[in-house]
Amino acid sequence: MAQHRDLLDQDQFCCSVCLDLLKEPVTIPCGHSYCRSCIDGYWDQDVLKGVYSCPQCGETFTPRPVLKRNIVLAEVVEKLKKTGLQAAPPPALCYAGPGDVACDVCTGTRKQKALMSCLACQAFYCETHLQPHYESPALKKHKLVKATAQLQEKICSHHDKLLEVYCRTDQQCICYLCTIDEHKGHDTVSAAAETTEKQRQLGMSQQKVHQRFQEREKDLKELQQAVESLKRIDCLM
């Protein structure tokens, strides 16, 4: 029981980015702590956006917060190291291979395979770094889809928003901002509704094709029977 409690306590001093004991720990404004190099590397990817977020809770900051060493955490981690204890072993890692999509949060040369894409964050997440989207009230509202390299195809190139509306007038997927801009006044429905309608139409078409196939098959059998009858008549003559 004591050993289990030690491992549980040490989890609190692990960086959620590299999954190891904190190295030069820093705490960002939302209260979560990371290795300085891990959070620096994570935020370096957002320099062009100018908005920096927490990998765990998703809270955003502008401008980029100044990182200061968390002295208390650093001392605790050092004590853990001196006692010879190691962080609890992480779950078996599934690294991204050829053809896989890599997690955007993982650091280092080898990144874990991404399981899901977040259309709101426009990022890919492995099993470990996806957890905040299931736990944080703010991130739970984000739409998650299976990780695919074609993530940008689901985002509007004009407004950087999710393509969740279908314009029947122009027969293309658009975002909600497009409906008040270049597609104003057009016949639009939700992309989900249009998908359901297309699936219904496809089902009806398949049913008609199947019915015609059965009719052709019936005609073929009747023709074959007629040929057999003629052959029998010829034999009798």
C-alpha atoms as a PDB file:
ATOM      1  CA  MET A   1       0.000   0.000   0.000  1.00  0.00           C
ATOM      2  CA  ALA A   2       2.857   2.385   0.888  1.00  0.00           C
ATOM      3  CA  GLN A   3       4.559   1.704  -2.438  1.00  0.00           C
ATOM      4  CA  HIS A   4       1.313   2.389  -4.310  1.00  0.00           C
ATOM      5  CA  ARG A   5       0.907   5.676  -2.422  1.00  0.00           C
ATOM      6  CA  ASP A   6       4.481   6.709  -3.306  1.00  0.00           C
ATOM      7  CA  LEU A   7       3.881   6.119  -7.007  1.00  0.00           C
ATOM      8  CA  LEU A   8       0.587   8.001  -6.862  1.00  0.00           C
ATOM      9  CA  ASP A   9       2.257  10.955  -5.137  1.00  0.00           C
ATOM     10  CA  GLN A  10       5.093  11.042  -7.655  1.00  0.00           C
ATOM     11  CA  ASP A  11       2.629  11.314 -10.539  1.00  0.00           C
ATOM     12  CA  GLN A  12       1.916  14.843  -9.275  1.00  0.00           C
ATOM     13  CA  PHE A  13       5.537  15.780 -10.025  1.00  0.00           C
ATOM     14  CA  CYS A  14       5.621  14.456 -13.593  1.00  0.00           C
ATOM     15  CA  CYS A  15       5.491  16.672 -16.654  1.00  0.00           C
ATOM     16  CA  SER A  16       2.421  15.865 -18.768  1.00  0.00           C
ATOM     17  CA  VAL A  17       4.388  16.606 -21.949  1.00  0.00           C
ATOM     18  CA  CYS A  18       7.438  14.345 -21.553  1.00  0.00           C
ATOM     19  CA  LEU A  19       5.808  12.073 -18.893  1.00  0.00           C
ATOM     20  CA  ASP A  20       8.966  12.152 -16.768  1.00  0.00           C
ATOM     21  CA  LEU A  21       9.881  13.799 -13.460  1.00  0.00           C
ATOM     22  CA  LEU A  22       9.904  17.593 -13.821  1.00  0.00           C
ATOM     23  CA  LYS A  23      13.215  19.066 -14.914  1.00  0.00           C
ATOM     24  CA  GLU A  24      13.691  22.749 -14.011  1.00  0.00           C
ATOM     25  CA  PRO A  25       9.949  23.000 -13.213  1.00  0.00           C
ATOM     26  CA  VAL A  26       8.023  26.162 -14.064  1.00  0.00           C
ATOM     27  CA  THR A  27       4.382  26.959 -13.321  1.00  0.00           C
ATOM     28  CA  ILE A  28       2.268  28.841 -15.869  1.00  0.00           C
ATOM     29  CA  PRO A  29      -0.579  31.277 -14.958  1.00  0.00           C
ATOM     30  CA  CYS A  30      -3.330  28.597 -14.899  1.00  0.00           C
ATOM     31  CA  GLY A  31      -1.419  26.685 -12.193  1.00  0.00           C
ATOM     32  CA  HIS A  32      -0.127  23.711 -14.189  1.00  0.00           C
ATOM     33  CA  SER A  33       3.583  22.923 -14.093  1.00  0.00           C
ATOM     34  CA  TYR A  34       5.957  21.670 -16.773  1.00  0.00           C
ATOM     35  CA  CYS A  35       9.635  21.209 -17.529  1.00  0.00           C
ATOM     36  CA  ARG A  36      10.898  24.570 -18.787  1.00  0.00           C
ATOM     37  CA  SER A  37      12.178  23.018 -22.039  1.00  0.00           C
ATOM     38  CA  CYS A  38       8.884  21.168 -22.623  1.00  0.00           C
ATOM     39  CA  ILE A  39       6.579  24.181 -22.304  1.00  0.00           C
ATOM     40  CA  ASP A  40       9.031  26.380 -24.209  1.00  0.00           C
ATOM     41  CA  GLY A  41       9.063  23.874 -27.060  1.00  0.00           C
ATOM     42  CA  TYR A  42       5.279  23.583 -26.996  1.00  0.00           C
ATOM     43  CA  TRP A  43       4.787  27.363 -27.105  1.00  0.00           C
ATOM     44  CA  ASP A  44       7.388  27.843 -29.839  1.00  0.00           C
ATOM     45  CA  GLN A  45       4.846  26.203 -32.176  1.00  0.00           C
ATOM     46  CA  ASP A  46       2.341  28.998 -31.419  1.00  0.00           C
ATOM     47  CA  VAL A  47       4.645  31.975 -32.061  1.00  0.00           C
ATOM     48  CA  LEU A  48       2.916  32.908 -35.316  1.00  0.00           C
ATOM     49  CA  LYS A  49      -0.553  32.743 -33.720  1.00  0.00           C
ATOM     50  CA  GLY A  50       0.503  34.949 -30.808  1.00  0.00           C
ATOM     51  CA  VAL A  51      -1.799  33.000 -28.461  1.00  0.00           C
ATOM     52  CA  TYR A  52      -0.302  30.468 -26.056  1.00  0.00           C
ATOM     53  CA  SER A  53      -2.299  27.687 -24.382  1.00  0.00           C
ATOM     54  CA  CYS A  54      -1.904  25.187 -21.562  1.00  0.00           C
ATOM     55  CA  PRO A  55      -1.480  21.602 -22.882  1.00  0.00           C
ATOM     56  CA  GLN A  56      -3.616  20.312 -20.013  1.00  0.00           C
ATOM     57  CA  CYS A  57      -6.577  22.662 -19.518  1.00  0.00           C
ATOM     58  CA  GLY A  58      -6.444  24.638 -22.757  1.00  0.00           C
ATOM     59  CA  GLU A  59      -6.492  28.073 -21.074  1.00  0.00           C
ATOM     60  CA  THR A  60      -4.939  30.666 -23.381  1.00  0.00           C
ATOM     61  CA  PHE A  61      -2.548  33.517 -22.596  1.00  0.00           C
ATOM     62  CA  THR A  62      -1.552  36.674 -24.461  1.00  0.00           C
ATOM     63  CA  PRO A  63       1.237  37.736 -24.505  1.00  0.00           C
ATOM     64  CA  ARG A  64       3.501  34.755 -23.897  1.00  0.00           C
ATOM     65  CA  PRO A  65       3.912  34.335 -20.129  1.00  0.00           C
ATOM     66  CA  VAL A  66       7.345  34.834 -18.616  1.00  0.00           C
ATOM     67  CA  LEU A  67       8.457  31.519 -17.113  1.00  0.00           C
ATOM     68  CA  LYS A  68       9.823  31.518 -13.574  1.00  0.00           C
ATOM     69  CA  ARG A  69      11.328  28.535 -11.798  1.00  0.00           C
ATOM     70  CA  ASN A  70       9.023  26.914  -9.247  1.00  0.00           C
ATOM     71  CA  ILE A  71      11.428  26.626  -6.336  1.00  0.00           C
ATOM     72  CA  VAL A  72       9.185  24.452  -4.132  1.00  0.00           C
ATOM     73  CA  LEU A  73       8.550  21.925  -6.902  1.00  0.00           C
ATOM     74  CA  ALA A  74      12.226  21.880  -7.819  1.00  0.00           C
ATOM     75  CA  GLU A  75      13.176  21.032  -4.208  1.00  0.00           C
ATOM     76  CA  VAL A  76      10.564  18.247  -3.996  1.00  0.00           C
ATOM     77  CA  VAL A  77      11.748  16.701  -7.259  1.00  0.00           C
ATOM     78  CA  GLU A  78      15.357  16.840  -6.087  1.00  0.00           C
ATOM     79  CA  LYS A  79      14.403  15.019  -2.871  1.00  0.00           C
ATOM     80  CA  LEU A  80      12.616  12.337  -4.912  1.00  0.00           C
ATOM     81  CA  LYS A  81      15.741  11.849  -6.996  1.00  0.00           C
ATOM     82  CA  LYS A  82      18.020  11.660  -3.916  1.00  0.00           C
ATOM     83  CA  THR A  83      15.872   8.935  -2.332  1.00  0.00           C
ATOM     84  CA  GLY A  84      16.454   6.851  -5.456  1.00  0.00           C
ATOM     85  CA  LEU A  85      12.776   6.790  -6.397  1.00  0.00           C
ATOM     86  CA  GLN A  86      11.723   7.017 -10.013  1.00  0.00           C
ATOM     87  CA  ALA A  87       8.515   8.200 -11.570  1.00  0.00           C
ATOM     88  CA  ALA A  88       5.808   5.596 -12.052  1.00  0.00           C
ATOM     89  CA  PRO A  89       6.333   3.875 -15.407  1.00  0.00           C
ATOM     90  CA  PRO A  90       4.202   5.423 -18.140  1.00  0.00           C
ATOM     91  CA  PRO A  91       1.788   3.280 -20.152  1.00  0.00           C
ATOM     92  CA  ALA A  92       3.184   1.417 -23.163  1.00  0.00           C
ATOM     93  CA  LEU A  93       3.975   4.003 -25.816  1.00  0.00           C
ATOM     94  CA  CYS A  94       2.790   3.697 -29.372  1.00  0.00           C
ATOM     95  CA  TYR A  95       5.175   5.717 -31.503  1.00  0.00           C
ATOM     96  CA  ALA A  96       4.143   7.165 -34.850  1.00  0.00           C
ATOM     97  CA  GLY A  97       5.472   5.210 -37.785  1.00  0.00           C
ATOM     98  CA  PRO A  98       5.396   5.680 -41.570  1.00  0.00           C
ATOM     99  CA  GLY A  99       1.921   6.741 -42.643  1.00  0.00           C
ATOM    100  CA  ASP A 100       0.843   7.632 -39.078  1.00  0.00           C
ATOM    101  CA  VAL A 101       0.002  11.104 -37.782  1.00  0.00           C
ATOM    102  CA  ALA A 102       2.238  12.229 -34.905  1.00  0.00           C
ATOM    103  CA  CYS A 103       1.006  13.939 -31.737  1.00  0.00           C
ATOM    104  CA  ASP A 104       1.529  17.723 -31.802  1.00  0.00           C
ATOM    105  CA  VAL A 105       2.194  17.922 -28.053  1.00  0.00           C
ATOM    106  CA  CYS A 106       4.837  15.202 -27.703  1.00  0.00           C
ATOM    107  CA  THR A 107       8.402  16.482 -27.707  1.00  0.00           C
ATOM    108  CA  GLY A 108      11.637  14.849 -28.784  1.00  0.00           C
ATOM    109  CA  THR A 109      12.612  13.079 -31.983  1.00  0.00           C
ATOM    110  CA  ARG A 110      10.116  10.244 -31.493  1.00  0.00           C
ATOM    111  CA  LYS A 111       6.495  11.245 -31.026  1.00  0.00           C
ATOM    112  CA  GLN A 112       3.545   9.085 -30.110  1.00  0.00           C
ATOM    113  CA  LYS A 113       0.914   8.182 -32.673  1.00  0.00           C
ATOM    114  CA  ALA A 114      -2.044  10.587 -32.661  1.00  0.00           C
ATOM    115  CA  LEU A 115      -5.425   8.992 -32.025  1.00  0.00           C
ATOM    116  CA  MET A 116      -7.705  11.999 -32.437  1.00  0.00           C
ATOM    117  CA  SER A 117      -7.752  15.416 -34.073  1.00  0.00           C
ATOM    118  CA  CYS A 118      -9.370  18.417 -32.362  1.00  0.00           C
ATOM    119  CA  LEU A 119     -11.114  20.590 -34.943  1.00  0.00           C
ATOM    120  CA  ALA A 120     -11.224  23.538 -32.536  1.00  0.00           C
ATOM    121  CA  CYS A 121      -7.530  23.385 -31.598  1.00  0.00           C
ATOM    122  CA  GLN A 122      -6.564  22.191 -35.097  1.00  0.00           C
ATOM    123  CA  ALA A 123      -4.082  19.785 -33.528  1.00  0.00           C
ATOM    124  CA  PHE A 124      -3.406  16.055 -33.189  1.00  0.00           C
ATOM    125  CA  TYR A 125      -3.276  14.279 -29.817  1.00  0.00           C
ATOM    126  CA  CYS A 126      -1.969  10.917 -28.636  1.00  0.00           C
ATOM    127  CA  GLU A 127      -3.802   8.953 -25.928  1.00  0.00           C
ATOM    128  CA  THR A 128      -1.861  10.663 -23.124  1.00  0.00           C
ATOM    129  CA  HIS A 129      -2.248  14.263 -24.306  1.00  0.00           C
ATOM    130  CA  LEU A 130      -5.878  13.754 -25.330  1.00  0.00           C
ATOM    131  CA  GLN A 131      -7.011  13.316 -21.708  1.00  0.00           C
ATOM    132  CA  PRO A 132      -7.501  17.077 -21.011  1.00  0.00           C
ATOM    133  CA  HIS A 133     -10.173  17.121 -23.740  1.00  0.00           C
ATOM    134  CA  TYR A 134     -12.126  14.563 -21.697  1.00  0.00           C
ATOM    135  CA  GLU A 135     -11.540  16.184 -18.312  1.00  0.00           C
ATOM    136  CA  SER A 136     -11.545  19.969 -18.810  1.00  0.00           C
ATOM    137  CA  PRO A 137     -15.070  21.518 -18.976  1.00  0.00           C
ATOM    138  CA  ALA A 138     -13.882  24.017 -21.597  1.00  0.00           C
ATOM    139  CA  LEU A 139     -12.205  21.405 -23.814  1.00  0.00           C
ATOM    140  CA  LYS A 140     -15.105  18.935 -23.582  1.00  0.00           C
ATOM    141  CA  LYS A 141     -17.045  21.209 -25.950  1.00  0.00           C
ATOM    142  CA  HIS A 142     -14.421  20.776 -28.682  1.00  0.00           C
ATOM    143  CA  LYS A 143     -15.201  18.415 -31.552  1.00  0.00           C
ATOM    144  CA  LEU A 144     -12.869  15.433 -31.807  1.00  0.00           C
ATOM    145  CA  VAL A 145     -12.498  13.278 -34.912  1.00  0.00           C
ATOM    146  CA  LYS A 146     -10.246  10.365 -35.789  1.00  0.00           C
ATOM    147  CA  ALA A 147      -6.720  11.553 -36.484  1.00  0.00           C
ATOM    148  CA  THR A 148      -6.179  12.097 -40.188  1.00  0.00           C
ATOM    149  CA  ALA A 149      -3.531  13.907 -42.177  1.00  0.00           C
ATOM    150  CA  GLN A 150      -6.348  15.700 -44.019  1.00  0.00           C
ATOM    151  CA  LEU A 151      -7.311  17.816 -40.976  1.00  0.00           C
ATOM    152  CA  GLN A 152      -7.043  21.072 -42.939  1.00  0.00           C
ATOM    153  CA  GLU A 153      -9.675  19.803 -45.367  1.00  0.00           C
ATOM    154  CA  LYS A 154     -12.217  20.123 -42.546  1.00  0.00           C
ATOM    155  CA  ILE A 155     -11.288  23.764 -41.837  1.00  0.00           C
ATOM    156  CA  CYS A 156     -12.467  26.813 -43.814  1.00  0.00           C
ATOM    157  CA  SER A 157      -9.464  28.361 -45.570  1.00  0.00           C
ATOM    158  CA  HIS A 158     -11.048  31.844 -45.410  1.00  0.00           C
ATOM    159  CA  HIS A 159     -12.200  32.017 -41.778  1.00  0.00           C
ATOM    160  CA  ASP A 160     -10.189  29.225 -40.106  1.00  0.00           C
ATOM    161  CA  LYS A 161     -13.423  27.704 -38.768  1.00  0.00           C
ATOM    162  CA  LEU A 162     -14.894  24.204 -38.887  1.00  0.00           C
ATOM    163  CA  LEU A 163     -16.736  23.321 -42.119  1.00  0.00           C
ATOM    164  CA  GLU A 164     -20.008  22.410 -40.406  1.00  0.00           C
ATOM    165  CA  VAL A 165     -22.488  23.901 -42.915  1.00  0.00           C
ATOM    166  CA  TYR A 166     -23.385  22.655 -46.409  1.00  0.00           C
ATOM    167  CA  CYS A 167     -24.366  25.125 -49.141  1.00  0.00           C
ATOM    168  CA  ARG A 168     -26.805  23.389 -51.474  1.00  0.00           C
ATOM    169  CA  THR A 169     -26.728  26.354 -53.842  1.00  0.00           C
ATOM    170  CA  ASP A 170     -23.005  25.979 -54.532  1.00  0.00           C
ATOM    171  CA  GLN A 171     -22.821  22.316 -53.461  1.00  0.00           C
ATOM    172  CA  GLN A 172     -19.896  22.732 -51.074  1.00  0.00           C
ATOM    173  CA  CYS A 173     -19.083  22.643 -47.361  1.00  0.00           C
ATOM    174  CA  ILE A 174     -18.647  26.020 -45.678  1.00  0.00           C
ATOM    175  CA  CYS A 175     -18.288  27.427 -42.155  1.00  0.00           C
ATOM    176  CA  TYR A 176     -20.939  29.429 -40.308  1.00  0.00           C
ATOM    177  CA  LEU A 177     -19.149  32.715 -41.085  1.00  0.00           C
ATOM    178  CA  CYS A 178     -19.475  31.964 -44.804  1.00  0.00           C
ATOM    179  CA  THR A 179     -23.290  31.994 -44.428  1.00  0.00           C
ATOM    180  CA  ILE A 180     -23.208  35.704 -43.574  1.00  0.00           C
ATOM    181  CA  ASP A 181     -20.545  36.519 -46.122  1.00  0.00           C
ATOM    182  CA  GLU A 182     -20.151  35.146 -49.665  1.00  0.00           C
ATOM    183  CA  HIS A 183     -22.923  32.541 -49.196  1.00  0.00           C
ATOM    184  CA  LYS A 184     -25.482  34.930 -47.709  1.00  0.00           C
ATOM    185  CA  GLY A 185     -29.040  34.061 -48.812  1.00  0.00           C
ATOM    186  CA  HIS A 186     -28.031  30.636 -50.158  1.00  0.00           C
ATOM    187  CA  ASP A 187     -29.850  27.392 -49.386  1.00  0.00           C
ATOM    188  CA  THR A 188     -27.811  26.011 -46.480  1.00  0.00           C
ATOM    189  CA  VAL A 189     -28.204  23.175 -43.983  1.00  0.00           C
ATOM    190  CA  SER A 190     -25.941  21.640 -41.376  1.00  0.00           C
ATOM    191  CA  ALA A 191     -23.276  19.336 -42.773  1.00  0.00           C
ATOM    192  CA  ALA A 192     -24.626  16.540 -40.558  1.00  0.00           C
ATOM    193  CA  ALA A 193     -28.143  16.961 -41.980  1.00  0.00           C
ATOM    194  CA  GLU A 194     -26.832  16.943 -45.543  1.00  0.00           C
ATOM    195  CA  THR A 195     -24.785  13.804 -44.828  1.00  0.00           C
ATOM    196  CA  THR A 196     -27.929  12.065 -43.531  1.00  0.00           C
ATOM    197  CA  GLU A 197     -29.878  13.132 -46.627  1.00  0.00           C
ATOM    198  CA  LYS A 198     -27.107  11.988 -48.993  1.00  0.00           C
ATOM    199  CA  GLN A 199     -26.957   8.638 -47.215  1.00  0.00           C
ATOM    200  CA  ARG A 200     -30.740   8.274 -47.593  1.00  0.00           C
ATOM    201  CA  GLN A 201     -30.530   9.075 -51.312  1.00  0.00           C
ATOM    202  CA  LEU A 202     -27.641   6.654 -51.726  1.00  0.00           C
ATOM    203  CA  GLY A 203     -29.614   3.936 -49.969  1.00  0.00           C
ATOM    204  CA  MET A 204     -32.575   4.487 -52.316  1.00  0.00           C
ATOM    205  CA  SER A 205     -30.287   4.413 -55.376  1.00  0.00           C
ATOM    206  CA  GLN A 206     -28.666   1.182 -54.208  1.00  0.00           C
ATOM    207  CA  GLN A 207     -32.114  -0.309 -53.658  1.00  0.00           C
ATOM    208  CA  LYS A 208     -33.190   0.623 -57.203  1.00  0.00           C
ATOM    209  CA  VAL A 209     -29.977  -0.789 -58.676  1.00  0.00           C
ATOM    210  CA  HIS A 210     -30.479  -4.019 -56.735  1.00  0.00           C
ATOM    211  CA  GLN A 211     -34.083  -4.230 -57.927  1.00  0.00           C
ATOM    212  CA  ARG A 212     -33.035  -3.717 -61.563  1.00  0.00           C
ATOM    213  CA  PHE A 213     -30.332  -6.349 -61.136  1.00  0.00           C
ATOM    214  CA  GLN A 214     -32.910  -8.844 -59.865  1.00  0.00           C
ATOM    215  CA  GLU A 215     -35.209  -8.037 -62.801  1.00  0.00           C
ATOM    216  CA  ARG A 216     -32.331  -8.547 -65.270  1.00  0.00           C
ATOM    217  CA  GLU A 217     -31.429 -11.803 -63.553  1.00  0.00           C
ATOM    218  CA  LYS A 218     -35.051 -12.965 -63.859  1.00  0.00           C
ATOM    219  CA  ASP A 219     -35.144 -12.035 -67.579  1.00  0.00           C
ATOM    220  CA  LEU A 220     -31.868 -13.933 -68.124  1.00  0.00           C
ATOM    221  CA  LYS A 221     -33.281 -17.077 -66.489  1.00  0.00           C
ATOM    222  CA  GLU A 222     -36.433 -16.868 -68.610  1.00  0.00           C
ATOM    223  CA  LEU A 223     -34.266 -16.485 -71.730  1.00  0.00           C
ATOM    224  CA  GLN A 224     -32.165 -19.486 -70.748  1.00  0.00           C
ATOM    225  CA  GLN A 225     -35.332 -21.547 -70.187  1.00  0.00           C
ATOM    226  CA  ALA A 226     -36.630 -20.524 -73.602  1.00  0.00           C
ATOM    227  CA  VAL A 227     -33.347 -21.589 -75.230  1.00  0.00           C
ATOM    228  CA  GLU A 228     -33.485 -24.956 -73.454  1.00  0.00           C
ATOM    229  CA  SER A 229     -37.067 -25.459 -74.660  1.00  0.00           C
ATOM    230  CA  LEU A 230     -36.027 -24.753 -78.266  1.00  0.00           C
ATOM    231  CA  LYS A 231     -33.165 -27.263 -77.952  1.00  0.00           C
ATOM    232  CA  ARG A 232     -35.551 -29.971 -76.746  1.00  0.00           C
ATOM    233  CA  ILE A 233     -37.946 -29.254 -79.610  1.00  0.00           C
ATOM    234  CA  ASP A 234     -35.091 -29.493 -82.119  1.00  0.00           C
ATOM    235  CA  CYS A 235     -34.094 -32.880 -80.710  1.00  0.00           C
ATOM    236  CA  LEU A 236     -37.621 -34.218 -81.209  1.00  0.00           C
ATOM    237  CA  MET A 237     -37.848 -33.125 -84.810  1.00  0.00           C
END
